[in-house]
Amino acid sequence: MSKRYSSGCSEEIVYCEPETIVRDTYVTREVTYVHPINIINRHHIVEVPKHVYKKSTKDVYVESRKSRGSYDSCSSDDDWLGYW
């Protein structure tokens, strides 16, 4: 809607409706985003062989051949098992 004014002279002034000019300005603002992280520590059990040796010591006393006399061919070999 325009308005016209006349001052009685030949010149006429016309006033137009104002135009709107929009000036967009951007301002930064921090926004915090929380990202939850779940950490799972997995412990895997792996069986590893551990070799343990049980030592036993036995003292065996054996008579020497000289003190027994001559070797008898009729004697059994079981008499000499303690020697080895």
Protein backbone atom coordinates (compact mmCIF):
# COMPACT_ATOMS: atom_id res chain seq x y z
CA MET A 1 0.00 0.00 0.00
CA SER A 2 1.57 3.23 -1.07
CA LYS A 3 0.60 6.71 0.00
CA ARG A 4 0.71 9.71 -2.24
CA TYR A 5 1.22 13.20 -1.02
CA SER A 6 0.86 16.31 -3.06
CA SER A 7 2.11 19.71 -1.99
CA GLY A 8 0.22 21.46 -4.73
CA CYS A 9 3.22 21.51 -7.02
CA SER A 10 3.69 19.40 -10.03
CA GLU A 11 5.93 17.06 -8.12
CA GLU A 12 4.29 14.14 -6.45
CA ILE A 13 5.99 12.05 -3.78
CA VAL A 14 5.07 8.39 -3.45
CA TYR A 15 5.92 6.46 -0.26
CA CYS A 16 6.12 2.72 -0.77
CA GLU A 17 5.76 0.01 1.80
CA PRO A 18 9.11 -0.83 3.36
CA GLU A 19 10.94 -3.87 2.15
CA THR A 20 12.34 -6.23 4.70
CA ILE A 21 15.98 -7.17 4.43
CA VAL A 22 17.05 -10.07 6.61
CA ARG A 23 20.70 -10.29 7.60
CA ASP A 24 21.53 -13.72 8.93
CA THR A 25 24.43 -13.84 11.31
CA TYR A 26 25.67 -17.08 12.79
CA VAL A 27 27.19 -17.27 16.24
CA THR A 28 28.85 -20.42 17.53
CA ARG A 29 27.78 -22.08 20.73
CA GLU A 30 29.38 -25.24 22.09
CA VAL A 31 27.11 -28.18 22.63
CA THR A 32 28.54 -31.08 24.61
CA TYR A 33 27.87 -34.55 23.24
CA VAL A 34 28.60 -37.40 25.62
CA HIS A 35 29.64 -40.67 23.98
CA PRO A 36 29.75 -43.43 26.61
CA ILE A 37 32.39 -46.11 26.06
CA ASN A 38 32.34 -49.45 27.85
CA ILE A 39 35.74 -51.12 28.17
CA ILE A 40 35.68 -54.83 28.91
CA ASN A 41 38.91 -56.48 30.04
CA ARG A 42 38.67 -60.14 29.15
CA HIS A 43 41.08 -62.52 30.87
CA HIS A 44 41.47 -65.80 29.02
CA ILE A 45 42.90 -68.69 30.97
CA VAL A 46 45.29 -70.80 28.95
CA GLU A 47 46.61 -73.96 30.53
CA VAL A 48 50.36 -74.32 30.21
CA PRO A 49 52.02 -77.56 31.27
CA LYS A 50 54.47 -77.30 34.12
CA HIS A 51 56.60 -80.39 34.40
CA VAL A 52 57.66 -81.25 37.92
CA TYR A 53 59.92 -84.18 38.67
CA LYS A 54 59.91 -85.87 42.02
CA LYS A 55 63.30 -87.25 42.82
CA SER A 56 63.82 -90.20 45.06
CA THR A 57 67.16 -91.63 46.04
CA LYS A 58 67.71 -95.13 47.27
CA ASP A 59 70.94 -96.60 48.57
CA VAL A 60 71.49 -100.22 47.60
CA TYR A 61 74.37 -102.17 49.05
CA VAL A 62 75.77 -105.00 46.96
CA GLU A 63 78.54 -107.39 47.84
CA SER A 64 81.44 -107.34 45.46
CA ARG A 65 82.20 -110.48 43.42
CA LYS A 66 85.48 -111.09 45.14
CA SER A 67 83.97 -111.33 48.57
CA ARG A 68 81.21 -113.68 47.40
CA GLY A 69 83.59 -116.19 46.04
CA SER A 70 83.62 -117.42 42.51
CA TYR A 71 80.63 -116.84 40.34
CA ASP A 72 78.44 -119.89 40.34
CA SER A 73 76.87 -120.60 36.97
CA CYS A 74 73.91 -122.14 38.75
CA SER A 75 73.00 -118.96 40.61
CA SER A 76 70.15 -116.95 39.21
CA ASP A 77 70.58 -113.52 37.67
CA ASP A 78 68.06 -112.13 40.22
CA ASP A 79 70.90 -111.90 42.74
CA TRP A 80 72.55 -109.20 40.63
CA LEU A 81 69.51 -106.97 40.06
CA GLY A 82 70.50 -104.62 42.87
CA TYR A 83 73.84 -104.01 41.18
CA TRP A 84 72.37 -102.38 38.12
